Amino acid sequence: MIEPKSDMEKDIILALQQVFDPEVPVNIYELGLIYGLDVDKANNVTVTMTLTAPNCPAADQLVEDVKRAVEDVPKVADVDVKIVFEPEWNMKMMSEAALLELGML
């Protein structure tokens, strides 16, 4: 999980917690899909994330949902979403809340 360094990062994380993977009833933040969050001095935001699978059929929609959610955060100037596959996502990246929601704890 990302430790927010500012109020804006806290607000961005709250926004990301409203974005759900279409195949799993858990938000992408709690799933551990968000690897990085960078806000520059001009309030441009870069979100580095992964997918549960490289061939995810909902990848394009998920990226758009992330971009739209972060753009809605006050004072955000621009949003860039980067998809990476290193490290490869696995179930150990999920938060306790996600594991509880999925009945895995």
Protein backbone atom coordinates (compact mmCIF):
# COMPACT_ATOMS: atom_id res chain seq x y z
CA MET A 1 0.00 0.00 0.00
CA ILE A 2 1.12 3.53 -0.72
CA GLU A 3 1.73 5.82 2.24
CA PRO A 4 0.30 9.23 1.27
CA LYS A 5 2.69 12.17 1.67
CA SER A 6 0.15 14.96 1.30
CA ASP A 7 -3.54 15.74 1.58
CA MET A 8 -3.79 15.62 -2.20
CA GLU A 9 -2.34 12.10 -2.25
CA LYS A 10 -4.86 11.09 0.43
CA ASP A 11 -7.65 12.46 -1.76
CA ILE A 12 -6.28 10.62 -4.80
CA ILE A 13 -6.17 7.36 -2.86
CA LEU A 14 -9.77 7.91 -1.77
CA ALA A 15 -10.68 8.44 -5.43
CA LEU A 16 -8.84 5.26 -6.46
CA GLN A 17 -10.77 3.35 -3.81
CA GLN A 18 -13.91 4.14 -5.83
CA VAL A 19 -12.57 2.30 -8.90
CA PHE A 20 -13.39 -1.40 -8.99
CA ASP A 21 -11.92 -4.20 -11.04
CA PRO A 22 -14.88 -5.36 -13.17
CA GLU A 23 -14.13 -9.02 -12.43
CA VAL A 24 -13.57 -8.71 -8.66
CA PRO A 25 -15.86 -6.90 -6.19
CA VAL A 26 -12.92 -5.07 -4.58
CA ASN A 27 -11.46 -1.67 -5.43
CA ILE A 28 -8.16 -1.53 -7.29
CA TYR A 29 -6.31 0.12 -4.41
CA GLU A 30 -7.17 -2.64 -1.92
CA LEU A 31 -6.40 -5.25 -4.59
CA GLY A 32 -2.85 -3.91 -4.65
CA LEU A 33 -2.97 -2.83 -8.29
CA ILE A 34 -1.64 0.66 -7.55
CA TYR A 35 2.16 0.53 -7.41
CA GLY A 36 3.01 4.21 -7.38
CA LEU A 37 1.58 7.68 -7.11
CA ASP A 38 3.54 10.79 -7.98
CA VAL A 39 2.30 14.38 -7.75
CA ASP A 40 4.66 17.02 -9.12
CA LYS A 41 4.83 20.70 -8.15
CA ALA A 42 2.33 21.62 -10.87
CA ASN A 43 -0.16 19.02 -9.51
CA ASN A 44 0.31 16.69 -12.47
CA VAL A 45 -0.31 13.15 -11.28
CA THR A 46 1.29 9.93 -12.48
CA VAL A 47 -0.36 6.71 -11.36
CA THR A 48 1.69 3.56 -11.86
CA MET A 49 -0.44 0.45 -11.74
CA THR A 50 -0.73 -3.10 -12.91
CA LEU A 51 -3.52 -5.47 -13.84
CA THR A 52 -4.45 -8.80 -12.31
CA ALA A 53 -3.52 -10.39 -15.65
CA PRO A 54 -1.55 -9.00 -18.62
CA ASN A 55 -4.35 -9.92 -21.04
CA CYS A 56 -7.11 -8.33 -18.94
CA PRO A 57 -10.02 -7.62 -21.29
CA ALA A 58 -11.05 -4.59 -19.22
CA ALA A 59 -7.60 -2.95 -19.24
CA ASP A 60 -8.55 0.04 -21.39
CA GLN A 61 -11.70 0.72 -19.39
CA LEU A 62 -9.85 0.38 -16.10
CA VAL A 63 -7.21 2.90 -17.20
CA GLU A 64 -9.96 5.34 -18.23
CA ASP A 65 -11.76 4.83 -14.91
CA VAL A 66 -8.54 5.56 -12.99
CA LYS A 67 -7.80 8.63 -15.07
CA ARG A 68 -11.33 10.00 -14.65
CA ALA A 69 -11.38 9.34 -10.88
CA VAL A 70 -8.07 11.12 -10.32
CA GLU A 71 -9.01 14.02 -12.62
CA ASP A 72 -12.03 14.63 -10.37
CA VAL A 73 -9.79 15.30 -7.36
CA PRO A 74 -9.63 19.07 -6.69
CA LYS A 75 -6.45 20.82 -7.84
CA VAL A 76 -5.26 17.92 -10.04
CA ALA A 77 -3.93 19.45 -13.27
CA ASP A 78 -3.29 16.39 -15.44
CA VAL A 79 -3.23 12.61 -15.05
CA ASP A 80 -0.98 10.02 -16.65
CA VAL A 81 -1.67 6.34 -15.99
CA LYS A 82 1.23 3.96 -16.58
CA ILE A 83 0.62 0.22 -16.78
CA VAL A 84 3.51 -1.98 -15.69
CA PHE A 85 3.85 -5.72 -15.18
CA GLU A 86 6.93 -5.74 -12.96
CA PRO A 87 6.57 -6.84 -10.29
CA GLU A 88 3.90 -9.24 -11.41
CA TRP A 89 0.70 -8.86 -9.39
CA ASN A 90 -0.19 -11.69 -7.02
CA MET A 91 -2.75 -12.23 -4.28
CA LYS A 92 -0.22 -11.37 -1.56
CA MET A 93 -0.47 -7.75 -2.71
CA MET A 94 -4.08 -7.47 -1.53
CA SER A 95 -4.89 -5.64 1.68
CA GLU A 96 -6.54 -7.35 4.64
CA ALA A 97 -9.76 -5.54 3.70
CA ALA A 98 -9.66 -7.10 0.22
CA LEU A 99 -8.94 -10.55 1.62
CA LEU A 100 -11.84 -10.20 4.05
CA GLU A 101 -14.18 -8.99 1.29
CA LEU A 102 -13.29 -12.02 -0.82
CA GLY A 103 -13.60 -14.43 2.11
CA MET A 104 -9.91 -15.33 2.06
CA LEU A 105 -9.14 -14.40 5.66
